[in-house]
Amino acid sequence: MKIKFVENDTIADRGEFIKDPEIKALSSITRVLFNDNKTKAFFKLYPFGCLPYSVEIVSEKVNNKWLVKEIIKE
């Protein structure tokens, strides 16, 4: 998954009319929470547009790489 960060002001000014062929969807992300030894991470994605739900992501660091362990649709 590739992620491209867009400044908040850009989204506010242009809305869903961002003319960038590399952007397939817009979403907002919460801060990332880590456990004490920084081997697990938790965050939420809030998709813009027609999806009426958020997605909670649970990741775990295995062999120095972050793997998604669980995706919870809320």
N, C-alpha and C. Protein backbone atom coordinates (compact mmCIF):
# COMPACT_ATOMS: atom_id res chain seq x y z
N MET A 1 0.84 -1.16 0.00
CA MET A 1 0.00 0.00 0.00
C MET A 1 0.89 1.23 0.00
N LYS A 2 0.67 2.11 -0.94
CA LYS A 2 1.40 3.38 -1.00
C LYS A 2 0.50 4.46 -0.43
N ILE A 3 1.09 5.34 0.37
CA ILE A 3 0.34 6.43 0.97
C ILE A 3 0.99 7.74 0.57
N LYS A 4 0.18 8.68 0.12
CA LYS A 4 0.66 10.01 -0.23
C LYS A 4 -0.02 10.99 0.70
N PHE A 5 0.74 11.76 1.46
CA PHE A 5 0.17 12.72 2.40
C PHE A 5 -0.16 14.01 1.66
N VAL A 6 -1.35 14.52 1.94
CA VAL A 6 -1.82 15.76 1.35
C VAL A 6 -2.10 16.71 2.50
N GLU A 7 -1.64 17.93 2.41
CA GLU A 7 -1.86 18.92 3.45
C GLU A 7 -3.36 19.17 3.64
N ASN A 8 -3.77 19.38 4.88
CA ASN A 8 -5.18 19.62 5.18
C ASN A 8 -5.75 20.77 4.38
N ASP A 9 -5.00 21.86 4.21
CA ASP A 9 -5.48 23.02 3.48
C ASP A 9 -5.79 22.66 2.02
N THR A 10 -5.02 21.75 1.44
CA THR A 10 -5.26 21.34 0.06
C THR A 10 -6.61 20.65 -0.05
N ILE A 11 -6.92 19.77 0.90
CA ILE A 11 -8.20 19.08 0.87
C ILE A 11 -9.34 20.06 1.09
N ALA A 12 -9.18 20.97 2.04
CA ALA A 12 -10.23 21.95 2.33
C ALA A 12 -10.48 22.85 1.11
N ASP A 13 -9.43 23.24 0.41
CA ASP A 13 -9.58 24.12 -0.75
C ASP A 13 -10.17 23.40 -1.96
N ARG A 14 -9.76 22.18 -2.19
CA ARG A 14 -10.15 21.48 -3.42
C ARG A 14 -11.19 20.39 -3.20
N GLY A 15 -11.40 19.98 -1.95
CA GLY A 15 -12.36 18.92 -1.69
C GLY A 15 -11.98 17.64 -2.40
N GLU A 16 -12.94 17.02 -3.05
CA GLU A 16 -12.68 15.76 -3.76
C GLU A 16 -12.20 16.01 -5.19
N PHE A 17 -11.87 17.24 -5.52
CA PHE A 17 -11.46 17.57 -6.88
C PHE A 17 -9.94 17.69 -7.00
N ILE A 18 -9.21 16.92 -6.24
CA ILE A 18 -7.76 16.92 -6.33
C ILE A 18 -7.37 16.21 -7.62
N LYS A 19 -6.64 16.90 -8.47
CA LYS A 19 -6.28 16.35 -9.78
C LYS A 19 -4.90 15.72 -9.71
N ASP A 20 -4.86 14.52 -9.20
CA ASP A 20 -3.61 13.77 -9.10
C ASP A 20 -3.93 12.32 -9.45
N PRO A 21 -3.45 11.82 -10.59
CA PRO A 21 -3.80 10.47 -11.02
C PRO A 21 -3.30 9.37 -10.08
N GLU A 22 -2.35 9.68 -9.22
CA GLU A 22 -1.83 8.66 -8.30
C GLU A 22 -2.74 8.47 -7.08
N ILE A 23 -3.64 9.43 -6.82
CA ILE A 23 -4.52 9.34 -5.66
C ILE A 23 -5.79 8.60 -6.06
N LYS A 24 -6.02 7.46 -5.43
CA LYS A 24 -7.19 6.63 -5.73
C LYS A 24 -8.31 6.85 -4.73
N ALA A 25 -7.97 7.25 -3.50
CA ALA A 25 -8.97 7.48 -2.46
C ALA A 25 -8.39 8.43 -1.42
N LEU A 26 -9.29 9.13 -0.73
CA LEU A 26 -8.87 10.03 0.35
C LEU A 26 -9.34 9.45 1.67
N SER A 27 -8.51 9.54 2.68
CA SER A 27 -8.93 9.12 4.02
C SER A 27 -8.17 9.94 5.05
N SER A 28 -8.74 9.99 6.22
CA SER A 28 -8.14 10.68 7.34
C SER A 28 -7.65 9.61 8.32
N ILE A 29 -6.55 9.85 9.00
CA ILE A 29 -5.99 8.87 9.91
C ILE A 29 -5.84 9.50 11.30
N THR A 30 -6.09 8.70 12.34
CA THR A 30 -5.88 9.16 13.70
C THR A 30 -4.39 9.06 14.04
N ARG A 31 -4.04 9.52 15.21
CA ARG A 31 -2.68 9.30 15.69
C ARG A 31 -2.48 7.80 15.89
N VAL A 32 -1.25 7.37 15.78
CA VAL A 32 -0.93 5.94 15.95
C VAL A 32 -0.55 5.70 17.41
N LEU A 33 -1.19 4.70 18.01
CA LEU A 33 -0.88 4.31 19.38
C LEU A 33 -0.02 3.07 19.36
N PHE A 34 1.03 3.03 20.19
CA PHE A 34 1.93 1.89 20.27
C PHE A 34 1.85 1.26 21.66
N ASN A 35 2.13 -0.03 21.74
CA ASN A 35 2.26 -0.65 23.06
C ASN A 35 3.62 -0.25 23.65
N ASP A 36 3.89 -0.65 24.91
CA ASP A 36 5.10 -0.21 25.61
C ASP A 36 6.39 -0.55 24.88
N ASN A 37 6.49 -1.75 24.31
CA ASN A 37 7.74 -2.12 23.65
C ASN A 37 7.72 -1.85 22.14
N LYS A 38 6.71 -1.10 21.68
CA LYS A 38 6.60 -0.64 20.28
C LYS A 38 6.64 -1.78 19.26
N THR A 39 5.94 -2.86 19.58
CA THR A 39 5.82 -3.97 18.64
C THR A 39 4.41 -4.09 18.08
N LYS A 40 3.46 -3.33 18.64
CA LYS A 40 2.09 -3.32 18.14
C LYS A 40 1.63 -1.87 17.98
N ALA A 41 0.83 -1.65 16.94
CA ALA A 41 0.33 -0.30 16.66
C ALA A 41 -1.16 -0.36 16.37
N PHE A 42 -1.87 0.69 16.77
CA PHE A 42 -3.31 0.76 16.57
C PHE A 42 -3.65 2.15 16.02
N PHE A 43 -4.50 2.21 14.99
CA PHE A 43 -4.97 3.49 14.46
C PHE A 43 -6.26 3.28 13.70
N LYS A 44 -6.96 4.39 13.40
CA LYS A 44 -8.20 4.33 12.65
C LYS A 44 -8.07 5.13 11.37
N LEU A 45 -8.74 4.64 10.34
CA LEU A 45 -8.86 5.34 9.07
C LEU A 45 -10.31 5.76 8.90
N TYR A 46 -10.50 7.00 8.45
CA TYR A 46 -11.84 7.51 8.17
C TYR A 46 -11.89 7.87 6.69
N PRO A 47 -12.45 6.97 5.85
CA PRO A 47 -12.50 7.25 4.41
C PRO A 47 -13.44 8.41 4.10
N PHE A 48 -13.04 9.28 3.16
CA PHE A 48 -13.90 10.35 2.68
C PHE A 48 -14.82 9.77 1.61
N GLY A 49 -15.92 10.38 1.40
CA GLY A 49 -16.80 9.96 0.31
C GLY A 49 -17.99 9.17 0.81
N CYS A 50 -18.30 8.09 0.12
CA CYS A 50 -19.57 7.39 0.35
C CYS A 50 -19.50 6.30 1.42
N LEU A 51 -18.37 6.03 2.03
CA LEU A 51 -18.30 4.97 3.03
C LEU A 51 -18.73 5.49 4.40
N PRO A 52 -19.80 4.94 4.96
CA PRO A 52 -20.33 5.46 6.23
C PRO A 52 -19.72 4.82 7.47
N TYR A 53 -18.49 4.38 7.40
CA TYR A 53 -17.87 3.71 8.55
C TYR A 53 -16.40 4.06 8.64
N SER A 54 -15.79 3.71 9.77
CA SER A 54 -14.35 3.85 9.93
C SER A 54 -13.73 2.45 9.97
N VAL A 55 -12.42 2.42 9.84
CA VAL A 55 -11.70 1.15 9.84
C VAL A 55 -10.60 1.23 10.88
N GLU A 56 -10.58 0.28 11.80
CA GLU A 56 -9.53 0.22 12.82
C GLU A 56 -8.48 -0.79 12.37
N ILE A 57 -7.22 -0.38 12.43
CA ILE A 57 -6.11 -1.22 11.98
C ILE A 57 -5.26 -1.62 13.19
N VAL A 58 -4.97 -2.91 13.29
CA VAL A 58 -4.08 -3.43 14.32
C VAL A 58 -2.87 -4.01 13.59
N SER A 59 -1.68 -3.48 13.87
CA SER A 59 -0.46 -3.92 13.20
C SER A 59 0.53 -4.48 14.22
N GLU A 60 1.41 -5.33 13.72
CA GLU A 60 2.44 -5.89 14.59
C GLU A 60 3.77 -5.89 13.84
N LYS A 61 4.84 -5.56 14.56
CA LYS A 61 6.17 -5.54 13.97
C LYS A 61 6.78 -6.94 14.08
N VAL A 62 7.05 -7.54 12.92
CA VAL A 62 7.62 -8.88 12.85
C VAL A 62 8.85 -8.81 11.94
N ASN A 63 9.99 -9.26 12.44
CA ASN A 63 11.24 -9.22 11.67
C ASN A 63 11.52 -7.82 11.12
N ASN A 64 11.27 -6.81 11.94
CA ASN A 64 11.54 -5.41 11.62
C ASN A 64 10.64 -4.85 10.50
N LYS A 65 9.49 -5.50 10.23
CA LYS A 65 8.53 -5.01 9.25
C LYS A 65 7.16 -4.97 9.90
N TRP A 66 6.37 -3.95 9.55
CA TRP A 66 5.01 -3.82 10.09
C TRP A 66 4.04 -4.62 9.25
N LEU A 67 3.28 -5.50 9.90
CA LEU A 67 2.28 -6.33 9.24
C LEU A 67 0.91 -6.01 9.80
N VAL A 68 -0.09 -5.93 8.94
CA VAL A 68 -1.45 -5.71 9.40
C VAL A 68 -1.97 -7.05 9.93
N LYS A 69 -2.36 -7.07 11.19
CA LYS A 69 -2.87 -8.29 11.82
C LYS A 69 -4.38 -8.36 11.84
N GLU A 70 -5.02 -7.19 11.90
CA GLU A 70 -6.48 -7.19 11.98
C GLU A 70 -7.03 -5.89 11.42
N ILE A 71 -8.12 -6.00 10.68
CA ILE A 71 -8.84 -4.85 10.15
C ILE A 71 -10.27 -4.96 10.65
N ILE A 72 -10.70 -3.96 11.41
CA ILE A 72 -12.02 -3.99 12.03
C ILE A 72 -12.86 -2.86 11.44
N LYS A 73 -13.94 -3.22 10.78
CA LYS A 73 -14.85 -2.23 10.20
C LYS A 73 -15.84 -1.82 11.29
N GLU A 74 -15.94 -0.52 11.54
CA GLU A 74 -16.84 -0.03 12.59
C GLU A 74 -17.98 0.77 12.01
